[in-house]
């Protein structure tokens, strides 16, 4: 298996950036587009466990649209062959002491790259 083929890696970096822009600007239509429209899609969040695209869409529709700005750090995108990738990143929100962590598994479908599984969590910053 070929890891981080340059063209595939560039594609995933671009779709990840598109996702991040949609997230911080609350572009629900783009977020919905970028998640696999399946009952098998999973998103575990800070205070919710969402299984299936309908649960994910309902969460997005009900989520407040303010305070979404954040700063990413330590982002690692890795591609596996031409059709699977992971994206891992840390984030910080202004005014919060917590360190956020986000992981996504992306799969290339005929309609394009889609998140099939995601996880978001907050922790106290590591010390030392």
N, C-alpha and C. Protein backbone atom coordinates (compact mmCIF):
# COMPACT_ATOMS: atom_id res chain seq x y z
N UNK A 1 0.85 -1.18 0.00
CA UNK A 1 0.00 0.00 0.00
C UNK A 1 0.89 1.24 0.00
N UNK A 2 0.48 2.22 -0.78
CA UNK A 2 1.23 3.46 -0.86
C UNK A 2 0.64 4.48 0.11
N UNK A 3 1.49 5.05 0.92
CA UNK A 3 1.10 6.03 1.93
C UNK A 3 1.43 7.43 1.42
N UNK A 4 0.47 8.33 1.57
CA UNK A 4 0.64 9.75 1.22
C UNK A 4 1.10 9.98 -0.21
N UNK A 5 0.42 9.34 -1.15
CA UNK A 5 0.64 9.68 -2.56
C UNK A 5 0.40 11.19 -2.70
N UNK A 6 1.30 11.92 -3.31
CA UNK A 6 1.19 13.39 -3.32
C UNK A 6 -0.15 13.92 -3.84
N UNK A 7 -0.68 13.36 -4.93
CA UNK A 7 -1.93 13.88 -5.48
C UNK A 7 -3.12 13.57 -4.56
N UNK A 8 -3.12 12.39 -3.97
CA UNK A 8 -4.21 12.02 -3.05
C UNK A 8 -4.12 12.84 -1.77
N UNK A 9 -2.93 12.99 -1.25
CA UNK A 9 -2.74 13.79 -0.04
C UNK A 9 -3.21 15.22 -0.27
N UNK A 10 -2.90 15.80 -1.42
CA UNK A 10 -3.34 17.16 -1.74
C UNK A 10 -4.87 17.24 -1.79
N UNK A 11 -5.51 16.23 -2.36
CA UNK A 11 -6.97 16.20 -2.42
C UNK A 11 -7.58 16.20 -1.01
N UNK A 12 -7.05 15.36 -0.14
CA UNK A 12 -7.60 15.25 1.21
C UNK A 12 -7.32 16.52 2.00
N UNK A 13 -6.14 17.09 1.83
CA UNK A 13 -5.85 18.37 2.51
C UNK A 13 -6.86 19.43 2.07
N UNK A 14 -7.19 19.47 0.79
CA UNK A 14 -8.15 20.46 0.28
C UNK A 14 -9.54 20.22 0.83
N UNK A 15 -9.99 18.99 0.86
CA UNK A 15 -11.35 18.72 1.36
C UNK A 15 -11.40 18.92 2.88
N UNK A 16 -10.31 18.63 3.58
CA UNK A 16 -10.25 18.91 5.01
C UNK A 16 -10.36 20.41 5.26
N UNK A 17 -9.66 21.22 4.47
CA UNK A 17 -9.74 22.68 4.60
C UNK A 17 -11.15 23.18 4.30
N UNK A 18 -11.78 22.59 3.32
CA UNK A 18 -13.17 22.95 2.99
C UNK A 18 -14.09 22.61 4.15
N UNK A 19 -13.89 21.46 4.76
CA UNK A 19 -14.68 21.06 5.92
C UNK A 19 -14.48 22.05 7.07
N UNK A 20 -13.23 22.40 7.36
CA UNK A 20 -12.94 23.32 8.46
C UNK A 20 -13.59 24.68 8.22
N UNK A 21 -13.51 25.18 7.00
CA UNK A 21 -14.16 26.45 6.68
C UNK A 21 -15.68 26.35 6.89
N UNK A 22 -16.27 25.28 6.45
CA UNK A 22 -17.72 25.09 6.63
C UNK A 22 -18.07 24.98 8.11
N UNK A 23 -17.21 24.34 8.87
CA UNK A 23 -17.48 24.17 10.30
C UNK A 23 -17.49 25.51 11.03
N UNK A 24 -16.47 26.30 10.84
CA UNK A 24 -16.36 27.56 11.59
C UNK A 24 -17.32 28.63 11.07
N UNK A 25 -17.84 28.46 9.85
CA UNK A 25 -18.82 29.41 9.30
C UNK A 25 -20.24 28.84 9.30
N UNK A 26 -20.41 27.68 9.93
CA UNK A 26 -21.72 27.03 10.08
C UNK A 26 -22.42 26.83 8.74
N UNK A 27 -21.69 26.38 7.75
CA UNK A 27 -22.27 26.06 6.43
C UNK A 27 -22.77 24.62 6.48
N UNK A 28 -23.97 24.48 6.99
CA UNK A 28 -24.54 23.15 7.24
C UNK A 28 -24.66 22.34 5.96
N UNK A 29 -24.98 22.98 4.85
CA UNK A 29 -25.12 22.25 3.59
C UNK A 29 -23.80 21.60 3.18
N UNK A 30 -22.69 22.30 3.38
CA UNK A 30 -21.39 21.73 3.04
C UNK A 30 -21.02 20.63 4.02
N UNK A 31 -21.28 20.85 5.30
CA UNK A 31 -21.00 19.80 6.30
C UNK A 31 -21.79 18.54 5.98
N UNK A 32 -23.06 18.69 5.64
CA UNK A 32 -23.88 17.53 5.27
C UNK A 32 -23.33 16.84 4.03
N UNK A 33 -22.90 17.62 3.07
CA UNK A 33 -22.34 17.05 1.85
C UNK A 33 -21.09 16.22 2.14
N UNK A 34 -20.27 16.69 3.07
CA UNK A 34 -18.98 16.04 3.31
C UNK A 34 -19.04 14.85 4.25
N UNK A 35 -20.19 14.60 4.85
CA UNK A 35 -20.38 13.37 5.63
C UNK A 35 -21.08 12.34 4.75
N UNK A 36 -20.66 11.10 4.86
CA UNK A 36 -21.27 10.01 4.11
C UNK A 36 -22.73 9.92 4.50
N UNK A 37 -23.61 9.96 3.53
CA UNK A 37 -25.06 9.92 3.76
C UNK A 37 -25.49 8.47 3.98
N UNK A 38 -25.20 7.96 5.18
CA UNK A 38 -25.45 6.55 5.49
C UNK A 38 -25.83 6.40 6.96
N UNK A 39 -26.60 5.37 7.22
CA UNK A 39 -26.90 5.00 8.59
C UNK A 39 -25.68 4.44 9.32
N UNK A 40 -24.61 4.18 8.60
CA UNK A 40 -23.38 3.65 9.19
C UNK A 40 -22.40 4.73 9.62
N UNK A 41 -22.67 5.97 9.26
CA UNK A 41 -21.77 7.06 9.61
C UNK A 41 -21.85 7.32 11.11
N UNK A 42 -20.70 7.55 11.73
CA UNK A 42 -20.63 7.77 13.18
C UNK A 42 -19.90 9.08 13.46
N UNK A 43 -20.46 9.85 14.40
CA UNK A 43 -19.78 11.05 14.90
C UNK A 43 -19.94 11.07 16.41
N UNK A 44 -18.86 10.83 17.12
CA UNK A 44 -18.86 10.94 18.57
C UNK A 44 -18.35 12.33 18.91
N UNK A 45 -19.16 13.10 19.62
CA UNK A 45 -18.80 14.46 19.94
C UNK A 45 -18.50 14.64 21.40
N UNK A 46 -18.39 15.89 21.80
CA UNK A 46 -18.04 16.23 23.17
C UNK A 46 -19.12 15.77 24.14
N UNK A 47 -20.37 15.91 23.74
CA UNK A 47 -21.46 15.55 24.65
C UNK A 47 -22.53 14.71 23.95
N UNK A 48 -22.19 14.10 22.81
CA UNK A 48 -23.18 13.35 22.06
C UNK A 48 -22.53 12.19 21.31
N UNK A 49 -23.28 11.13 21.16
CA UNK A 49 -22.88 9.98 20.35
C UNK A 49 -23.90 9.87 19.23
N UNK A 50 -23.49 10.16 18.01
CA UNK A 50 -24.39 10.21 16.87
C UNK A 50 -24.09 9.07 15.92
N UNK A 51 -25.08 8.25 15.67
CA UNK A 51 -24.93 7.15 14.73
C UNK A 51 -25.96 7.34 13.63
N UNK A 52 -25.48 7.42 12.41
CA UNK A 52 -26.34 7.61 11.26
C UNK A 52 -26.40 9.07 10.84
N UNK A 53 -26.49 9.28 9.54
CA UNK A 53 -26.48 10.64 9.00
C UNK A 53 -27.64 11.47 9.50
N UNK A 54 -28.80 10.86 9.75
CA UNK A 54 -29.95 11.65 10.22
C UNK A 54 -29.68 12.23 11.61
N UNK A 55 -29.05 11.47 12.48
CA UNK A 55 -28.71 11.97 13.81
C UNK A 55 -27.66 13.09 13.71
N UNK A 56 -26.72 12.93 12.81
CA UNK A 56 -25.68 13.94 12.62
C UNK A 56 -26.31 15.22 12.07
N UNK A 57 -27.20 15.11 11.10
CA UNK A 57 -27.87 16.28 10.54
C UNK A 57 -28.72 16.99 11.59
N UNK A 58 -29.42 16.24 12.41
CA UNK A 58 -30.25 16.84 13.45
C UNK A 58 -29.39 17.61 14.45
N UNK A 59 -28.25 17.04 14.82
CA UNK A 59 -27.33 17.74 15.72
C UNK A 59 -26.86 19.05 15.10
N UNK A 60 -26.43 19.00 13.85
CA UNK A 60 -25.94 20.20 13.18
C UNK A 60 -27.02 21.28 13.12
N UNK A 61 -28.25 20.89 12.82
CA UNK A 61 -29.35 21.85 12.70
C UNK A 61 -29.67 22.52 14.04
N UNK A 62 -29.47 21.80 15.13
CA UNK A 62 -29.82 22.32 16.45
C UNK A 62 -28.66 23.05 17.14
N UNK A 63 -27.45 22.88 16.64
CA UNK A 63 -26.26 23.45 17.26
C UNK A 63 -26.25 24.97 17.13
N UNK A 64 -25.86 25.67 18.20
CA UNK A 64 -25.72 27.14 18.09
C UNK A 64 -24.72 27.50 16.99
N UNK A 65 -24.98 28.62 16.32
CA UNK A 65 -24.12 29.01 15.21
C UNK A 65 -23.09 30.07 15.60
N UNK A 66 -22.92 30.31 16.90
CA UNK A 66 -21.93 31.28 17.36
C UNK A 66 -20.82 30.58 18.13
N UNK A 67 -19.69 31.23 18.24
CA UNK A 67 -18.57 30.68 19.00
C UNK A 67 -17.92 29.49 18.35
N UNK A 68 -17.93 29.43 17.02
CA UNK A 68 -17.39 28.27 16.32
C UNK A 68 -15.93 28.44 15.89
N UNK A 69 -15.43 29.67 15.97
CA UNK A 69 -14.05 29.92 15.54
C UNK A 69 -13.08 29.14 16.40
N UNK A 70 -12.02 28.68 15.79
CA UNK A 70 -11.00 27.93 16.52
C UNK A 70 -9.70 28.00 15.75
N UNK A 71 -8.63 27.64 16.42
CA UNK A 71 -7.30 27.61 15.82
C UNK A 71 -6.80 26.18 15.83
N UNK A 72 -6.44 25.66 14.68
CA UNK A 72 -5.93 24.29 14.58
C UNK A 72 -4.44 24.25 14.84
N UNK A 73 -3.98 23.10 15.34
CA UNK A 73 -2.55 22.87 15.53
C UNK A 73 -2.29 21.38 15.43
N UNK A 74 -1.08 21.04 15.08
CA UNK A 74 -0.65 19.63 15.02
C UNK A 74 -1.55 18.77 14.14
N UNK A 75 -1.95 19.30 13.00
CA UNK A 75 -2.79 18.54 12.07
C UNK A 75 -1.95 17.52 11.33
N UNK A 76 -2.42 16.28 11.30
CA UNK A 76 -1.74 15.20 10.58
C UNK A 76 -2.76 14.52 9.67
N UNK A 77 -2.51 14.61 8.38
CA UNK A 77 -3.37 13.94 7.39
C UNK A 77 -2.53 12.85 6.74
N UNK A 78 -3.07 11.64 6.75
CA UNK A 78 -2.37 10.49 6.18
C UNK A 78 -3.31 9.78 5.23
N UNK A 79 -2.82 9.50 4.03
CA UNK A 79 -3.63 8.76 3.06
C UNK A 79 -3.08 7.34 2.94
N UNK A 80 -4.00 6.43 2.67
CA UNK A 80 -3.67 5.01 2.55
C UNK A 80 -4.19 4.55 1.19
N UNK A 81 -3.29 4.37 0.24
CA UNK A 81 -3.73 4.08 -1.11
C UNK A 81 -4.39 5.32 -1.69
N UNK A 82 -5.38 5.10 -2.55
CA UNK A 82 -6.04 6.21 -3.24
C UNK A 82 -7.40 6.55 -2.66
N UNK A 83 -7.91 5.75 -1.72
CA UNK A 83 -9.32 5.91 -1.35
C UNK A 83 -9.63 6.00 0.13
N UNK A 84 -8.62 6.00 1.00
CA UNK A 84 -8.85 6.08 2.45
C UNK A 84 -7.84 7.04 3.05
N UNK A 85 -8.30 7.83 4.02
CA UNK A 85 -7.41 8.77 4.69
C UNK A 85 -7.89 9.01 6.11
N UNK A 86 -6.96 9.46 6.94
CA UNK A 86 -7.32 9.93 8.28
C UNK A 86 -6.83 11.36 8.41
N UNK A 87 -7.59 12.13 9.19
CA UNK A 87 -7.20 13.50 9.50
C UNK A 87 -7.32 13.68 11.01
N UNK A 88 -6.24 14.03 11.64
CA UNK A 88 -6.19 14.24 13.08
C UNK A 88 -5.71 15.65 13.33
N UNK A 89 -6.35 16.34 14.27
CA UNK A 89 -5.92 17.69 14.58
C UNK A 89 -6.27 18.03 16.01
N UNK A 90 -5.55 18.98 16.54
CA UNK A 90 -5.89 19.58 17.83
C UNK A 90 -6.43 20.97 17.53
N UNK A 91 -7.26 21.49 18.45
CA UNK A 91 -7.77 22.84 18.26
C UNK A 91 -7.94 23.54 19.60
N UNK A 92 -7.94 24.85 19.51
CA UNK A 92 -8.18 25.70 20.69
C UNK A 92 -9.18 26.76 20.30
N UNK A 93 -10.08 27.03 21.24
CA UNK A 93 -11.05 28.11 21.07
C UNK A 93 -10.66 29.24 22.03
N UNK A 94 -10.81 30.47 21.54
CA UNK A 94 -10.48 31.63 22.37
C UNK A 94 -11.33 31.61 23.63
N UNK A 95 -10.67 31.87 24.76
CA UNK A 95 -11.37 31.92 26.03
C UNK A 95 -11.52 30.58 26.72
N UNK A 96 -11.08 29.51 26.07
CA UNK A 96 -11.18 28.18 26.68
C UNK A 96 -9.79 27.70 27.09
N UNK A 97 -9.72 27.03 28.21
CA UNK A 97 -8.45 26.43 28.64
C UNK A 97 -8.32 25.00 28.13
N UNK A 98 -9.37 24.46 27.56
CA UNK A 98 -9.37 23.07 27.09
C UNK A 98 -8.65 22.93 25.75
N UNK A 99 -8.08 21.77 25.55
CA UNK A 99 -7.48 21.39 24.27
C UNK A 99 -8.45 20.46 23.57
N UNK A 100 -8.86 20.84 22.37
CA UNK A 100 -9.76 19.99 21.59
C UNK A 100 -8.98 19.06 20.70
N UNK A 101 -9.57 17.89 20.47
CA UNK A 101 -8.98 16.91 19.56
C UNK A 101 -10.05 16.43 18.61
N UNK A 102 -9.70 16.29 17.37
CA UNK A 102 -10.64 15.85 16.35
C UNK A 102 -9.98 14.79 15.47
N UNK A 103 -10.69 13.73 15.22
CA UNK A 103 -10.20 12.72 14.28
C UNK A 103 -11.31 12.42 13.27
N UNK A 104 -10.90 12.19 12.05
CA UNK A 104 -11.84 11.86 10.98
C UNK A 104 -11.25 10.75 10.13
N UNK A 105 -12.12 9.86 9.68
CA UNK A 105 -11.77 8.88 8.67
C UNK A 105 -12.50 9.27 7.40
N UNK A 106 -11.77 9.47 6.34
CA UNK A 106 -12.30 9.87 5.04
C UNK A 106 -12.19 8.70 4.06
N UNK A 107 -13.23 8.54 3.23
CA UNK A 107 -13.23 7.52 2.18
C UNK A 107 -13.64 8.19 0.87
N UNK A 108 -12.97 7.82 -0.22
CA UNK A 108 -13.34 8.34 -1.54
C UNK A 108 -14.50 7.48 -2.09
N UNK A 109 -15.60 8.12 -2.35
CA UNK A 109 -16.76 7.51 -2.99
C UNK A 109 -16.86 8.07 -4.41
N UNK A 110 -17.73 7.51 -5.26
CA UNK A 110 -17.88 8.08 -6.61
C UNK A 110 -18.20 9.57 -6.60
N UNK A 111 -18.93 10.03 -5.56
CA UNK A 111 -19.30 11.45 -5.48
C UNK A 111 -18.23 12.31 -4.82
N UNK A 112 -17.16 11.70 -4.33
CA UNK A 112 -16.06 12.46 -3.73
C UNK A 112 -15.71 11.95 -2.35
N UNK A 113 -14.79 12.67 -1.68
CA UNK A 113 -14.33 12.31 -0.34
C UNK A 113 -15.42 12.60 0.67
N UNK A 114 -15.66 11.64 1.59
CA UNK A 114 -16.67 11.80 2.63
C UNK A 114 -16.14 11.29 3.96
N UNK A 115 -16.54 11.97 5.04
CA UNK A 115 -16.22 11.51 6.39
C UNK A 115 -17.15 10.35 6.71
N UNK A 116 -16.57 9.21 7.10
CA UNK A 116 -17.38 8.06 7.49
C UNK A 116 -17.40 7.86 9.00
N UNK A 117 -16.42 8.44 9.68
CA UNK A 117 -16.36 8.37 11.14
C UNK A 117 -15.60 9.58 11.65
N UNK A 118 -16.09 10.14 12.76
CA UNK A 118 -15.44 11.31 13.35
C UNK A 118 -15.56 11.25 14.86
N UNK A 119 -14.61 11.88 15.51
CA UNK A 119 -14.61 11.94 16.97
C UNK A 119 -14.06 13.30 17.39
N UNK A 120 -14.73 13.93 18.34
CA UNK A 120 -14.29 15.22 18.89
C UNK A 120 -14.28 15.09 20.40
N UNK A 121 -13.21 15.58 21.03
CA UNK A 121 -13.15 15.54 22.49
C UNK A 121 -12.37 16.74 23.00
N UNK A 122 -12.57 17.04 24.27
CA UNK A 122 -11.85 18.11 24.95
C UNK A 122 -11.13 17.53 26.16
N UNK A 123 -9.91 18.00 26.38
CA UNK A 123 -9.15 17.59 27.56
C UNK A 123 -8.50 18.82 28.18
N UNK A 124 -8.08 18.68 29.41
CA UNK A 124 -7.23 19.70 30.01
C UNK A 124 -5.87 19.60 29.32
N UNK A 125 -5.22 20.74 29.07
CA UNK A 125 -3.93 20.68 28.40
C UNK A 125 -2.93 19.84 29.20
N UNK A 126 -2.13 19.05 28.50
CA UNK A 126 -1.10 18.28 29.19
C UNK A 126 -0.14 19.22 29.93
N UNK A 127 0.35 18.77 31.06
CA UNK A 127 1.32 19.56 31.82
C UNK A 127 2.70 18.95 31.70
N UNK A 128 3.71 19.81 31.83
CA UNK A 128 5.08 19.30 31.84
C UNK A 128 5.70 19.16 30.54
